[in-house]
Each structure stands twice: as C-alpha cells, then as structure tokens.
Amino acid sequence: MTLIGSGFKAALIGCGGMGRGHAAKAKSLGIELVGYCDEIEAKAAEALAEFGGSYATTDADRIMRDDSIDLIVIATHHDAHHPLALAAAEAGKHILLEKPMCVTRAQAVEVAEMVERVGVKLVINCKFRIAPTAQKARELLSQPRMSHGQLAMNDSGASGSTWVWHADDGGGLLISTAIHTIDLLTYLMDSEPDRIYAEGRIFGQNKGTAGYPDGLVGTILWKSGGLSTVISTDQGMNPFVSKWFHQMWDGERSAVFSSHMTRVDFGGCEIDHLDARKLPEEEIAKASMMVNLLEAIQTDGDTLCNARDGVRAVTICNALDEAARTGKPQNVPN
C-alpha cells in the first residue's frame, strides 16, 4: 500500500514532546525524516536516533539550505514561530506550524504575506477543525447564531515549567492553549470577528510577571451578527466534559462537544450524537493536519487552517488580552 507521504522529505525544528509527536505521525504516513534541529543539541540527536534520518543540528539555517527537504515541521517555543516560518517560506518549504501561528497579529500578517507571495502551503496545527465531530457539526448547523468555547485545565505553572507565561516566548495561556478554542469558534461560526469584550484575573502567583490572565471570560461579536462566549482558565479541569467544552446553536439545532472533542451530542438533528472514537481507524487517521497539508501540496489546494486563519485566531487572542487588560471593548482590524 502506498502511503500518502511517500516521496516527501521533511525536517523537524523543535524536538520536544510536541515535535516528536509530529515526527511519529510523519513516519506513519511514509514521510522520510531527514534533519532535526533544536537549540538543545542532545534533543535533536535523540530525535534522530528515535526516528532515523541524516543529521541533527542546532543550526536552523542548515535545514533551510537543504534542498532535499520538501516540508518543515516547526514545533518550538512561540517566539520562534515568526522568524522560522518566514525563513522556511522564503526557502520554498511547505510548513506545518504549531499553534499559535505567532505571538502578535503583526508577526502573523508578515508570515501570511510571505507564504502567499512565494506560494508554499502552510497549515496551522489547530487540530479541532479537522475533528470528525467539528466537521459533522458544520454540516448540520450551517448558520449558527451563538456558540460557547472553553479551556479549563489544571494549574499550568504547577510543574515549574512557566515559559508559557513569559512575554518573550510564551504569550500566556490564552494564545498558548485556548487558541484552539478561539480557532474552533471561528471555524464553527464561519465569520470574521467584529468586536470583542473581556474581563481577566490573575489568580496564580507562580507564572511570571507579564500580566497574562489565568482566568478570562470574553465575548466575541461576529460580523455575521452571531455571538460567542469564551472561557480560558487553568484553575482546574472539569472531569465531566474534559479540558475542552464547546456548544453551538442555530435557532433550531444545537451541538455540544465533550470528551476532548471526540464526542458531539446534537439536538434537533437527524442524528443524536457522533462518537469519533468508534469510527473506522482509517477515518480517524485521516483527521490530521499533516494529512491535510500533504493533500494540499498534492492537489495544489488550500489547507484547512491556512495562513489567514492563523492571523485571525492570533488577532482575536490579542484583542481578548487587550480588552481584559484595559476593560475596554476592542474593534477587530480587518
């Protein structure tokens, strides 16, 4: 059987847990992994030993100069997404970029413009879009009026790994993790954001001094006229619905997502629920942003979460943060 990634060669930049997950997925799809890069040389070497390839390096430019490489997976701290994505696009490499696309809207716009100018394919790993539950909800509730999305997790600073809270490389919980919720709401509502309100609080004391809220409640008014509410917090996980919980309504039908987006329960629809864990294995395997990127390359199509989608999610996160800090509503730039 020919695998969808056969004939592609890739490199990984950022060889921590997230990067290794992408490397494992790449191998399962038949992609040949060539190079590994990490600022900690031992991590790159460990990834090379685990997944095979040609070299490990701390020099990202070596990856960019390697003409054998078709696509690059970027799974670094957030501050490095901007320069690495620009360099990869300029080098003509297709890109799988971990969320968030960048830390600021200005950076994200710069990457989007570069990607569009040179014509490479880019996908942001906002993976909830491609979940079978989200796809089915988009099919059944085509004109939603309202939605709710929340991230509620345990204390992200309890382990002592607090880089997410640093202004230099993390950007706070909202853009680091709750951006999955923001992007999913954007996808489900199928609209551009218009105006944003938010209130935030800092409850924890072990997360740095950048002032990012670890508890935020926000409202998004969409240009379609729809409304969404957002909760982002690390003040404890809800065991009944999981770390992620989302709902949407269209006036007649409803959808409620739970169990880490693997289950959706419907009201007023021809089916009452979908449990993605019970789908055939081949269908589950296709629900991958890496598969989506490969298909876009092969068909010269678009990815499910492209550069402009990435800009939109970062823009909303930035506006929510600013609204929470200032107490003032934020008009979202086009």
C-alpha atoms as a PDB file:
ATOM      1  CA  MET A   1       0.000   0.000   0.000  1.00  0.00           C
ATOM      2  CA  THR A   2       1.350   3.426  -0.964  1.00  0.00           C
ATOM      3  CA  LEU A   3       1.283   5.845   1.951  1.00  0.00           C
ATOM      4  CA  ILE A   4       0.157   9.432   1.367  1.00  0.00           C
ATOM      5  CA  GLY A   5       3.538  10.789   2.491  1.00  0.00           C
ATOM      6  CA  SER A   6       5.655   8.569   0.273  1.00  0.00           C
ATOM      7  CA  GLY A   7       8.152  10.614  -1.722  1.00  0.00           C
ATOM      8  CA  PHE A   8       8.129  13.545   0.701  1.00  0.00           C
ATOM      9  CA  LYS A   9      11.146  14.517   2.779  1.00  0.00           C
ATOM     10  CA  ALA A  10      10.766  16.564   5.952  1.00  0.00           C
ATOM     11  CA  ALA A  11      12.692  18.200   8.756  1.00  0.00           C
ATOM     12  CA  LEU A  12      11.681  18.888  12.341  1.00  0.00           C
ATOM     13  CA  ILE A  13      12.578  22.090  14.183  1.00  0.00           C
ATOM     14  CA  GLY A  14      11.792  21.772  17.872  1.00  0.00           C
ATOM     15  CA  CYS A  15      12.421  18.267  19.168  1.00  0.00           C
ATOM     16  CA  GLY A  16      10.450  18.284  22.407  1.00  0.00           C
ATOM     17  CA  GLY A  17       7.342  16.246  23.104  1.00  0.00           C
ATOM     18  CA  MET A  18       5.145  18.033  20.594  1.00  0.00           C
ATOM     19  CA  GLY A  19       7.769  17.816  17.853  1.00  0.00           C
ATOM     20  CA  ARG A  20       8.320  14.112  18.447  1.00  0.00           C
ATOM     21  CA  GLY A  21       4.589  13.535  18.150  1.00  0.00           C
ATOM     22  CA  HIS A  22       4.688  15.146  14.722  1.00  0.00           C
ATOM     23  CA  ALA A  23       7.747  13.064  13.783  1.00  0.00           C
ATOM     24  CA  ALA A  24       5.924   9.868  14.703  1.00  0.00           C
ATOM     25  CA  LYS A  25       2.908  10.905  12.615  1.00  0.00           C
ATOM     26  CA  ALA A  26       5.168  11.768   9.669  1.00  0.00           C
ATOM     27  CA  LYS A  27       6.786   8.331   9.749  1.00  0.00           C
ATOM     28  CA  SER A  28       3.398   6.627   9.920  1.00  0.00           C
ATOM     29  CA  LEU A  29       2.404   8.468   6.731  1.00  0.00           C
ATOM     30  CA  GLY A  30       5.545   7.384   4.869  1.00  0.00           C
ATOM     31  CA  ILE A  31       7.357  10.745   5.034  1.00  0.00           C
ATOM     32  CA  GLU A  32      11.153  10.439   5.146  1.00  0.00           C
ATOM     33  CA  LEU A  33      12.580  12.496   8.007  1.00  0.00           C
ATOM     34  CA  VAL A  34      15.940  13.977   7.034  1.00  0.00           C
ATOM     35  CA  GLY A  35      17.047  16.565   9.589  1.00  0.00           C
ATOM     36  CA  TYR A  36      16.322  17.514  13.177  1.00  0.00           C
ATOM     37  CA  CYS A  37      17.026  20.887  14.782  1.00  0.00           C
ATOM     38  CA  ASP A  38      16.799  22.026  18.375  1.00  0.00           C
ATOM     39  CA  GLU A  39      18.633  24.663  20.395  1.00  0.00           C
ATOM     40  CA  ILE A  40      19.492  21.809  22.777  1.00  0.00           C
ATOM     41  CA  GLU A  41      21.703  19.569  20.653  1.00  0.00           C
ATOM     42  CA  ALA A  42      21.008  16.448  22.702  1.00  0.00           C
ATOM     43  CA  LYS A  43      17.271  16.693  21.921  1.00  0.00           C
ATOM     44  CA  ALA A  44      17.930  16.840  18.196  1.00  0.00           C
ATOM     45  CA  ALA A  45      20.282  13.869  18.476  1.00  0.00           C
ATOM     46  CA  GLU A  46      17.721  11.874  20.455  1.00  0.00           C
ATOM     47  CA  ALA A  47      15.066  12.527  17.799  1.00  0.00           C
ATOM     48  CA  LEU A  48      17.470  11.432  15.071  1.00  0.00           C
ATOM     49  CA  ALA A  49      18.180   8.209  16.946  1.00  0.00           C
ATOM     50  CA  GLU A  50      14.479   7.564  17.511  1.00  0.00           C
ATOM     51  CA  PHE A  51      13.090   8.311  14.050  1.00  0.00           C
ATOM     52  CA  GLY A  52      16.089   7.960  11.733  1.00  0.00           C
ATOM     53  CA  GLY A  53      17.426  10.447   9.228  1.00  0.00           C
ATOM     54  CA  SER A  54      20.634  12.122   8.112  1.00  0.00           C
ATOM     55  CA  TYR A  55      21.632  14.699  10.703  1.00  0.00           C
ATOM     56  CA  ALA A  56      20.890  16.573  13.925  1.00  0.00           C
ATOM     57  CA  THR A  57      21.832  20.216  14.334  1.00  0.00           C
ATOM     58  CA  THR A  58      21.338  23.377  16.376  1.00  0.00           C
ATOM     59  CA  ASP A  59      21.531  25.472  13.190  1.00  0.00           C
ATOM     60  CA  ALA A  60      18.094  26.091  11.675  1.00  0.00           C
ATOM     61  CA  ASP A  61      19.741  27.615   8.603  1.00  0.00           C
ATOM     62  CA  ARG A  62      21.134  24.196   7.735  1.00  0.00           C
ATOM     63  CA  ILE A  63      17.559  22.934   7.475  1.00  0.00           C
ATOM     64  CA  MET A  64      16.571  25.902   5.315  1.00  0.00           C
ATOM     65  CA  ARG A  65      19.525  25.359   2.954  1.00  0.00           C
ATOM     66  CA  ASP A  66      18.848  21.650   2.486  1.00  0.00           C
ATOM     67  CA  ASP A  67      17.361  21.365  -0.998  1.00  0.00           C
ATOM     68  CA  SER A  68      16.252  17.799  -0.395  1.00  0.00           C
ATOM     69  CA  ILE A  69      13.649  18.881   2.169  1.00  0.00           C
ATOM     70  CA  ASP A  70      10.075  19.434   0.952  1.00  0.00           C
ATOM     71  CA  LEU A  71       8.397  20.441   4.183  1.00  0.00           C
ATOM     72  CA  ILE A  72       9.332  21.618   7.655  1.00  0.00           C
ATOM     73  CA  VAL A  73       7.511  20.993  10.926  1.00  0.00           C
ATOM     74  CA  ILE A  74       8.006  23.876  13.377  1.00  0.00           C
ATOM     75  CA  ALA A  75       7.256  22.941  16.994  1.00  0.00           C
ATOM     76  CA  THR A  76       9.332  25.416  19.004  1.00  0.00           C
ATOM     77  CA  HIS A  77       8.520  27.947  21.698  1.00  0.00           C
ATOM     78  CA  HIS A  78       6.097  30.512  20.327  1.00  0.00           C
ATOM     79  CA  ASP A  79       8.516  33.389  19.856  1.00  0.00           C
ATOM     80  CA  ALA A  80      10.487  31.392  17.271  1.00  0.00           C
ATOM     81  CA  HIS A  81       7.454  30.697  15.049  1.00  0.00           C
ATOM     82  CA  HIS A  82       7.688  34.064  13.309  1.00  0.00           C
ATOM     83  CA  PRO A  83      11.344  34.020  12.168  1.00  0.00           C
ATOM     84  CA  LEU A  84      11.367  30.305  11.398  1.00  0.00           C
ATOM     85  CA  ALA A  85       8.159  30.389   9.356  1.00  0.00           C
ATOM     86  CA  LEU A  86       9.443  33.370   7.375  1.00  0.00           C
ATOM     87  CA  ALA A  87      12.737  31.598   6.695  1.00  0.00           C
ATOM     88  CA  ALA A  88      11.039  28.327   5.730  1.00  0.00           C
ATOM     89  CA  ALA A  89       8.669  30.035   3.314  1.00  0.00           C
ATOM     90  CA  GLU A  90      11.477  32.073   1.778  1.00  0.00           C
ATOM     91  CA  ALA A  91      13.402  28.826   1.283  1.00  0.00           C
ATOM     92  CA  GLY A  92      10.422  27.371  -0.598  1.00  0.00           C
ATOM     93  CA  LYS A  93       9.494  24.783   2.049  1.00  0.00           C
ATOM     94  CA  HIS A  94       5.925  23.805   2.851  1.00  0.00           C
ATOM     95  CA  ILE A  95       5.171  24.276   6.551  1.00  0.00           C
ATOM     96  CA  LEU A  96       3.292  22.604   9.380  1.00  0.00           C
ATOM     97  CA  LEU A  97       3.381  25.245  12.104  1.00  0.00           C
ATOM     98  CA  GLU A  98       2.365  24.578  15.683  1.00  0.00           C
ATOM     99  CA  LYS A  99      -0.197  26.914  17.197  1.00  0.00           C
ATOM    100  CA  PRO A 100      -0.155  29.774  17.767  1.00  0.00           C
ATOM    101  CA  MET A 101       0.902  30.965  14.319  1.00  0.00           C
ATOM    102  CA  CYS A 102       2.774  33.817  16.023  1.00  0.00           C
ATOM    103  CA  VAL A 103       2.505  35.765  19.264  1.00  0.00           C
ATOM    104  CA  THR A 104       1.271  39.033  17.705  1.00  0.00           C
ATOM    105  CA  ARG A 105      -1.021  39.944  14.841  1.00  0.00           C
ATOM    106  CA  ALA A 106       1.707  41.979  13.135  1.00  0.00           C
ATOM    107  CA  GLN A 107       4.022  38.957  13.078  1.00  0.00           C
ATOM    108  CA  ALA A 108       1.256  36.677  11.800  1.00  0.00           C
ATOM    109  CA  VAL A 109       0.358  39.076   8.986  1.00  0.00           C
ATOM    110  CA  GLU A 110       4.015  39.188   7.919  1.00  0.00           C
ATOM    111  CA  VAL A 111       4.169  35.384   7.734  1.00  0.00           C
ATOM    112  CA  ALA A 112       0.872  35.200   5.829  1.00  0.00           C
ATOM    113  CA  GLU A 113       2.074  37.729   3.272  1.00  0.00           C
ATOM    114  CA  MET A 114       5.329  35.825   2.764  1.00  0.00           C
ATOM    115  CA  VAL A 115       3.557  32.466   2.390  1.00  0.00           C
ATOM    116  CA  GLU A 116       1.121  33.898  -0.145  1.00  0.00           C
ATOM    117  CA  ARG A 117       3.873  35.676  -2.072  1.00  0.00           C
ATOM    118  CA  VAL A 118       6.102  32.625  -2.537  1.00  0.00           C
ATOM    119  CA  GLY A 119       3.245  30.140  -2.966  1.00  0.00           C
ATOM    120  CA  VAL A 120       4.133  27.469  -0.405  1.00  0.00           C
ATOM    121  CA  LYS A 121       1.487  25.576   1.560  1.00  0.00           C
ATOM    122  CA  LEU A 122       1.118  26.235   5.279  1.00  0.00           C
ATOM    123  CA  VAL A 123      -1.136  24.611   7.837  1.00  0.00           C
ATOM    124  CA  ILE A 124      -1.509  25.700  11.458  1.00  0.00           C
ATOM    125  CA  ASN A 125      -1.968  22.777  13.832  1.00  0.00           C
ATOM    126  CA  CYS A 126      -5.341  23.986  15.135  1.00  0.00           C
ATOM    127  CA  LYS A 127      -6.450  20.378  15.007  1.00  0.00           C
ATOM    128  CA  PHE A 128     -10.021  20.748  16.282  1.00  0.00           C
ATOM    129  CA  ARG A 129     -11.112  21.965  12.835  1.00  0.00           C
ATOM    130  CA  ILE A 130     -10.409  18.593  11.307  1.00  0.00           C
ATOM    131  CA  ALA A 131     -12.015  16.565  14.108  1.00  0.00           C
ATOM    132  CA  PRO A 132     -14.905  14.458  12.736  1.00  0.00           C
ATOM    133  CA  THR A 133     -17.170  15.999  15.396  1.00  0.00           C
ATOM    134  CA  ALA A 134     -16.465  19.544  14.165  1.00  0.00           C
ATOM    135  CA  GLN A 135     -16.905  18.504  10.539  1.00  0.00           C
ATOM    136  CA  LYS A 136     -20.293  16.940  11.289  1.00  0.00           C
ATOM    137  CA  ALA A 137     -21.444  19.984  13.278  1.00  0.00           C
ATOM    138  CA  ARG A 138     -20.508  22.315  10.411  1.00  0.00           C
ATOM    139  CA  GLU A 139     -22.564  20.109   8.102  1.00  0.00           C
ATOM    140  CA  LEU A 140     -25.673  20.029  10.297  1.00  0.00           C
ATOM    141  CA  LEU A 141     -25.613  23.568  11.748  1.00  0.00           C
ATOM    142  CA  SER A 142     -24.685  25.680   8.759  1.00  0.00           C
ATOM    143  CA  GLN A 143     -25.830  29.079  10.081  1.00  0.00           C
ATOM    144  CA  PRO A 144     -25.056  29.193  13.807  1.00  0.00           C
ATOM    145  CA  ARG A 145     -26.202  32.155  15.863  1.00  0.00           C
ATOM    146  CA  MET A 146     -24.413  31.561  19.145  1.00  0.00           C
ATOM    147  CA  SER A 147     -21.576  29.430  20.498  1.00  0.00           C
ATOM    148  CA  HIS A 148     -19.511  28.872  23.602  1.00  0.00           C
ATOM    149  CA  GLY A 149     -15.970  27.580  23.943  1.00  0.00           C
ATOM    150  CA  GLN A 150     -13.838  26.935  26.961  1.00  0.00           C
ATOM    151  CA  LEU A 151     -10.460  25.708  28.048  1.00  0.00           C
ATOM    152  CA  ALA A 152     -10.435  24.674  31.700  1.00  0.00           C
ATOM    153  CA  MET A 153      -7.258  22.897  32.742  1.00  0.00           C
ATOM    154  CA  ASN A 154      -5.211  22.286  35.852  1.00  0.00           C
ATOM    155  CA  ASP A 155      -2.560  24.777  37.008  1.00  0.00           C
ATOM    156  CA  SER A 156      -0.173  25.208  34.099  1.00  0.00           C
ATOM    157  CA  GLY A 157       2.571  26.538  36.355  1.00  0.00           C
ATOM    158  CA  ALA A 158       2.438  23.789  38.957  1.00  0.00           C
ATOM    159  CA  SER A 159       5.176  21.731  37.306  1.00  0.00           C
ATOM    160  CA  GLY A 160       7.612  24.655  37.348  1.00  0.00           C
ATOM    161  CA  SER A 161       7.569  24.979  33.550  1.00  0.00           C
ATOM    162  CA  THR A 162       6.385  28.573  33.291  1.00  0.00           C
ATOM    163  CA  TRP A 163       7.749  29.684  29.902  1.00  0.00           C
ATOM    164  CA  VAL A 164       4.212  29.930  28.512  1.00  0.00           C
ATOM    165  CA  TRP A 165       3.648  32.894  30.832  1.00  0.00           C
ATOM    166  CA  HIS A 166       6.686  34.844  29.657  1.00  0.00           C
ATOM    167  CA  ALA A 167       6.144  37.754  27.271  1.00  0.00           C
ATOM    168  CA  ASP A 168       9.307  36.852  25.337  1.00  0.00           C
ATOM    169  CA  ASP A 169       8.488  33.305  24.293  1.00  0.00           C
ATOM    170  CA  GLY A 170       5.097  32.232  25.619  1.00  0.00           C
ATOM    171  CA  GLY A 171       2.407  34.887  25.458  1.00  0.00           C
ATOM    172  CA  GLY A 172       0.134  33.488  28.173  1.00  0.00           C
ATOM    173  CA  LEU A 173      -2.441  30.716  28.437  1.00  0.00           C
ATOM    174  CA  LEU A 174      -4.911  32.325  26.039  1.00  0.00           C
ATOM    175  CA  ILE A 175      -2.685  32.338  22.972  1.00  0.00           C
ATOM    176  CA  SER A 176      -0.719  29.261  24.025  1.00  0.00           C
ATOM    177  CA  THR A 177      -3.584  26.827  24.562  1.00  0.00           C
ATOM    178  CA  ALA A 178      -7.028  28.457  24.477  1.00  0.00           C
ATOM    179  CA  ILE A 179      -6.272  29.485  20.892  1.00  0.00           C
ATOM    180  CA  HIS A 180      -7.623  26.028  19.985  1.00  0.00           C
ATOM    181  CA  THR A 181     -10.991  27.181  21.339  1.00  0.00           C
ATOM    182  CA  ILE A 182     -10.731  30.572  19.598  1.00  0.00           C
ATOM    183  CA  ASP A 183      -9.922  28.959  16.255  1.00  0.00           C
ATOM    184  CA  LEU A 184     -12.702  26.388  16.588  1.00  0.00           C
ATOM    185  CA  LEU A 185     -15.274  29.091  17.355  1.00  0.00           C
ATOM    186  CA  THR A 186     -14.102  30.997  14.280  1.00  0.00           C
ATOM    187  CA  TYR A 187     -14.454  27.857  12.170  1.00  0.00           C
ATOM    188  CA  LEU A 188     -17.885  26.938  13.532  1.00  0.00           C
ATOM    189  CA  MET A 189     -19.294  30.483  13.282  1.00  0.00           C
ATOM    190  CA  ASP A 190     -17.796  30.870   9.771  1.00  0.00           C
ATOM    191  CA  SER A 191     -17.449  34.632  10.123  1.00  0.00           C
ATOM    192  CA  GLU A 192     -14.956  37.411  10.671  1.00  0.00           C
ATOM    193  CA  PRO A 193     -14.809  38.874  14.199  1.00  0.00           C
ATOM    194  CA  ASP A 194     -16.106  42.410  14.680  1.00  0.00           C
ATOM    195  CA  ARG A 195     -15.935  43.478  18.330  1.00  0.00           C
ATOM    196  CA  ILE A 196     -14.515  41.843  21.455  1.00  0.00           C
ATOM    197  CA  TYR A 197     -15.091  42.283  25.188  1.00  0.00           C
ATOM    198  CA  ALA A 198     -13.266  40.542  28.051  1.00  0.00           C
ATOM    199  CA  GLU A 199     -12.509  40.532  31.756  1.00  0.00           C
ATOM    200  CA  GLY A 200      -9.481  38.738  33.159  1.00  0.00           C
ATOM    201  CA  ARG A 201      -7.909  37.959  36.513  1.00  0.00           C
ATOM    202  CA  ILE A 202      -4.545  36.678  37.695  1.00  0.00           C
ATOM    203  CA  PHE A 203      -5.117  34.027  40.360  1.00  0.00           C
ATOM    204  CA  GLY A 204      -1.780  32.208  40.372  1.00  0.00           C
ATOM    205  CA  GLN A 205       1.489  33.611  41.692  1.00  0.00           C
ATOM    206  CA  ASN A 206       3.990  31.243  40.062  1.00  0.00           C
ATOM    207  CA  LYS A 207       3.612  32.198  36.408  1.00  0.00           C
ATOM    208  CA  GLY A 208       5.915  35.129  35.850  1.00  0.00           C
ATOM    209  CA  THR A 209       5.162  38.822  35.827  1.00  0.00           C
ATOM    210  CA  ALA A 210       3.978  39.526  32.266  1.00  0.00           C
ATOM    211  CA  GLY A 211       0.396  40.086  33.439  1.00  0.00           C
ATOM    212  CA  TYR A 212      -1.388  37.492  31.316  1.00  0.00           C
ATOM    213  CA  PRO A 213      -4.675  36.395  32.936  1.00  0.00           C
ATOM    214  CA  ASP A 214      -5.019  32.803  34.080  1.00  0.00           C
ATOM    215  CA  GLY A 215      -8.772  33.370  34.243  1.00  0.00           C
ATOM    216  CA  LEU A 216     -10.528  35.128  31.354  1.00  0.00           C
ATOM    217  CA  VAL A 217     -14.133  35.428  30.222  1.00  0.00           C
ATOM    218  CA  GLY A 218     -14.737  37.050  26.853  1.00  0.00           C
ATOM    219  CA  THR A 219     -17.419  37.789  24.277  1.00  0.00           C
ATOM    220  CA  ILE A 220     -16.952  37.878  20.513  1.00  0.00           C
ATOM    221  CA  LEU A 221     -19.427  39.658  18.255  1.00  0.00           C
ATOM    222  CA  TRP A 222     -19.120  38.312  14.706  1.00  0.00           C
ATOM    223  CA  LYS A 223     -19.760  40.265  11.528  1.00  0.00           C
ATOM    224  CA  SER A 224     -22.489  37.726  10.732  1.00  0.00           C
ATOM    225  CA  GLY A 225     -24.367  39.011  13.792  1.00  0.00           C
ATOM    226  CA  GLY A 226     -23.588  35.890  15.818  1.00  0.00           C
ATOM    227  CA  LEU A 227     -22.255  35.852  19.364  1.00  0.00           C
ATOM    228  CA  SER A 228     -19.715  33.654  21.141  1.00  0.00           C
ATOM    229  CA  THR A 229     -18.535  33.426  24.724  1.00  0.00           C
ATOM    230  CA  VAL A 230     -15.053  32.267  25.716  1.00  0.00           C
ATOM    231  CA  ILE A 231     -13.578  30.951  28.962  1.00  0.00           C
ATOM    232  CA  SER A 232      -9.820  30.438  29.368  1.00  0.00           C
ATOM    233  CA  THR A 233      -8.509  29.242  32.717  1.00  0.00           C
ATOM    234  CA  ASP A 234      -6.059  26.907  34.409  1.00  0.00           C
ATOM    235  CA  GLN A 235      -7.914  26.946  37.718  1.00  0.00           C
ATOM    236  CA  GLY A 236      -8.967  23.304  37.492  1.00  0.00           C
ATOM    237  CA  MET A 237     -10.295  20.827  34.926  1.00  0.00           C
ATOM    238  CA  ASN A 238     -13.927  19.706  34.706  1.00  0.00           C
ATOM    239  CA  PRO A 239     -13.915  15.880  34.743  1.00  0.00           C
ATOM    240  CA  PHE A 240     -17.455  15.681  33.335  1.00  0.00           C
ATOM    241  CA  VAL A 241     -16.763  17.349  29.991  1.00  0.00           C
ATOM    242  CA  SER A 242     -12.932  17.310  29.832  1.00  0.00           C
ATOM    243  CA  LYS A 243     -10.405  20.090  29.395  1.00  0.00           C
ATOM    244  CA  TRP A 244     -12.297  21.357  26.330  1.00  0.00           C
ATOM    245  CA  PHE A 245     -16.027  22.097  26.167  1.00  0.00           C
ATOM    246  CA  HIS A 246     -17.893  23.739  23.280  1.00  0.00           C
ATOM    247  CA  GLN A 247     -21.506  24.370  22.321  1.00  0.00           C
ATOM    248  CA  MET A 248     -23.303  25.957  19.361  1.00  0.00           C
ATOM    249  CA  TRP A 249     -26.889  26.822  18.424  1.00  0.00           C
ATOM    250  CA  ASP A 250     -28.601  27.910  15.177  1.00  0.00           C
ATOM    251  CA  GLY A 251     -32.131  28.641  16.415  1.00  0.00           C
ATOM    252  CA  GLU A 252     -33.449  25.124  15.784  1.00  0.00           C
ATOM    253  CA  ARG A 253     -30.496  22.803  16.291  1.00  0.00           C
ATOM    254  CA  SER A 254     -27.709  22.504  18.832  1.00  0.00           C
ATOM    255  CA  ALA A 255     -24.377  20.739  19.218  1.00  0.00           C
ATOM    256  CA  VAL A 256     -22.444  20.027  22.426  1.00  0.00           C
ATOM    257  CA  PHE A 257     -18.811  18.874  22.196  1.00  0.00           C
ATOM    258  CA  SER A 258     -17.113  16.961  25.001  1.00  0.00           C
ATOM    259  CA  SER A 259     -14.530  14.265  25.764  1.00  0.00           C
ATOM    260  CA  HIS A 260     -11.645  16.228  24.243  1.00  0.00           C
ATOM    261  CA  MET A 261     -13.662  16.910  21.066  1.00  0.00           C
ATOM    262  CA  THR A 262     -14.161  13.190  20.387  1.00  0.00           C
ATOM    263  CA  ARG A 263     -17.926  13.298  21.070  1.00  0.00           C
ATOM    264  CA  VAL A 264     -20.671  15.659  19.921  1.00  0.00           C
ATOM    265  CA  ASP A 265     -24.309  15.442  21.014  1.00  0.00           C
ATOM    266  CA  PHE A 266     -26.962  17.012  18.774  1.00  0.00           C
ATOM    267  CA  GLY A 267     -30.396  18.444  19.432  1.00  0.00           C
ATOM    268  CA  GLY A 268     -32.983  18.810  16.664  1.00  0.00           C
ATOM    269  CA  CYS A 269     -30.861  16.901  14.120  1.00  0.00           C
ATOM    270  CA  GLU A 270     -31.329  13.653  12.241  1.00  0.00           C
ATOM    271  CA  ILE A 271     -28.652  12.035  14.437  1.00  0.00           C
ATOM    272  CA  ASP A 272     -28.389  12.421  18.192  1.00  0.00           C
ATOM    273  CA  HIS A 273     -24.616  12.076  18.563  1.00  0.00           C
ATOM    274  CA  LEU A 274     -21.300  11.170  16.981  1.00  0.00           C
ATOM    275  CA  ASP A 275     -18.509   9.440  18.892  1.00  0.00           C
ATOM    276  CA  ALA A 276     -15.341   9.767  16.810  1.00  0.00           C
ATOM    277  CA  ARG A 277     -13.623   7.073  18.848  1.00  0.00           C
ATOM    278  CA  LYS A 278     -15.953   4.496  17.268  1.00  0.00           C
ATOM    279  CA  LEU A 279     -15.177   5.444  13.675  1.00  0.00           C
ATOM    280  CA  PRO A 280     -13.039   3.161  11.475  1.00  0.00           C
ATOM    281  CA  GLU A 281      -9.318   3.503  12.145  1.00  0.00           C
ATOM    282  CA  GLU A 282      -8.573   4.747   8.635  1.00  0.00           C
ATOM    283  CA  GLU A 283     -11.092   7.574   9.062  1.00  0.00           C
ATOM    284  CA  ILE A 284      -9.577   8.564  12.397  1.00  0.00           C
ATOM    285  CA  ALA A 285      -6.083   8.553  10.859  1.00  0.00           C
ATOM    286  CA  LYS A 286      -7.191  10.992   8.139  1.00  0.00           C
ATOM    287  CA  ALA A 287      -8.296  13.539  10.749  1.00  0.00           C
ATOM    288  CA  SER A 288      -4.798  15.024  10.874  1.00  0.00           C
ATOM    289  CA  MET A 289      -3.452  18.427   9.906  1.00  0.00           C
ATOM    290  CA  MET A 290      -0.352  16.739   8.488  1.00  0.00           C
ATOM    291  CA  VAL A 291      -2.534  14.666   6.162  1.00  0.00           C
ATOM    292  CA  ASN A 292      -4.373  17.845   5.234  1.00  0.00           C
ATOM    293  CA  LEU A 293      -1.066  19.569   4.377  1.00  0.00           C
ATOM    294  CA  LEU A 294       0.081  16.660   2.197  1.00  0.00           C
ATOM    295  CA  GLU A 295      -3.233  16.644   0.328  1.00  0.00           C
ATOM    296  CA  ALA A 296      -2.999  20.403  -0.253  1.00  0.00           C
ATOM    297  CA  ILE A 297       0.507  20.010  -1.670  1.00  0.00           C
ATOM    298  CA  GLN A 298      -0.506  17.140  -3.938  1.00  0.00           C
ATOM    299  CA  THR A 299      -3.658  18.819  -5.281  1.00  0.00           C
ATOM    300  CA  ASP A 300      -2.430  22.432  -5.150  1.00  0.00           C
ATOM    301  CA  GLY A 301      -5.408  23.094  -2.910  1.00  0.00           C
ATOM    302  CA  ASP A 302      -5.743  25.039   0.325  1.00  0.00           C
ATOM    303  CA  THR A 303      -5.202  23.760   3.824  1.00  0.00           C
ATOM    304  CA  LEU A 304      -7.997  23.603   6.372  1.00  0.00           C
ATOM    305  CA  CYS A 305      -6.252  26.101   8.669  1.00  0.00           C
ATOM    306  CA  ASN A 306      -4.258  28.358   6.388  1.00  0.00           C
ATOM    307  CA  ALA A 307      -2.174  31.464   6.998  1.00  0.00           C
ATOM    308  CA  ARG A 308      -5.150  33.827   7.055  1.00  0.00           C
ATOM    309  CA  ASP A 309      -6.946  31.551   9.513  1.00  0.00           C
ATOM    310  CA  GLY A 310      -3.845  31.711  11.682  1.00  0.00           C
ATOM    311  CA  VAL A 311      -3.837  35.521  11.527  1.00  0.00           C
ATOM    312  CA  ARG A 312      -7.499  35.616  12.539  1.00  0.00           C
ATOM    313  CA  ALA A 313      -7.001  33.439  15.625  1.00  0.00           C
ATOM    314  CA  VAL A 314      -3.966  35.426  16.814  1.00  0.00           C
ATOM    315  CA  THR A 315      -5.851  38.685  16.222  1.00  0.00           C
ATOM    316  CA  ILE A 316      -8.754  37.540  18.388  1.00  0.00           C
ATOM    317  CA  CYS A 317      -6.406  36.377  21.154  1.00  0.00           C
ATOM    318  CA  ASN A 318      -4.559  39.691  21.117  1.00  0.00           C
ATOM    319  CA  ALA A 319      -7.865  41.589  21.268  1.00  0.00           C
ATOM    320  CA  LEU A 320      -9.192  39.476  24.155  1.00  0.00           C
ATOM    321  CA  ASP A 321      -5.988  40.065  26.089  1.00  0.00           C
ATOM    322  CA  GLU A 322      -6.099  43.813  25.430  1.00  0.00           C
ATOM    323  CA  ALA A 323      -9.770  44.024  26.394  1.00  0.00           C
ATOM    324  CA  ALA A 324      -9.075  42.176  29.652  1.00  0.00           C
ATOM    325  CA  ARG A 325      -6.103  44.419  30.471  1.00  0.00           C
ATOM    326  CA  THR A 326      -7.855  47.711  29.682  1.00  0.00           C
ATOM    327  CA  GLY A 327     -11.506  46.969  30.408  1.00  0.00           C
ATOM    328  CA  LYS A 328     -12.335  48.449  27.006  1.00  0.00           C
ATOM    329  CA  PRO A 329     -14.048  46.767  24.041  1.00  0.00           C
ATOM    330  CA  GLN A 330     -11.758  46.125  21.076  1.00  0.00           C
ATOM    331  CA  ASN A 331     -12.733  46.619  17.450  1.00  0.00           C
ATOM    332  CA  VAL A 332     -11.009  43.889  15.433  1.00  0.00           C
ATOM    333  CA  PRO A 333      -8.935  45.049  12.444  1.00  0.00           C
ATOM    334  CA  ASN A 334      -9.674  43.520   9.056  1.00  0.00           C
END
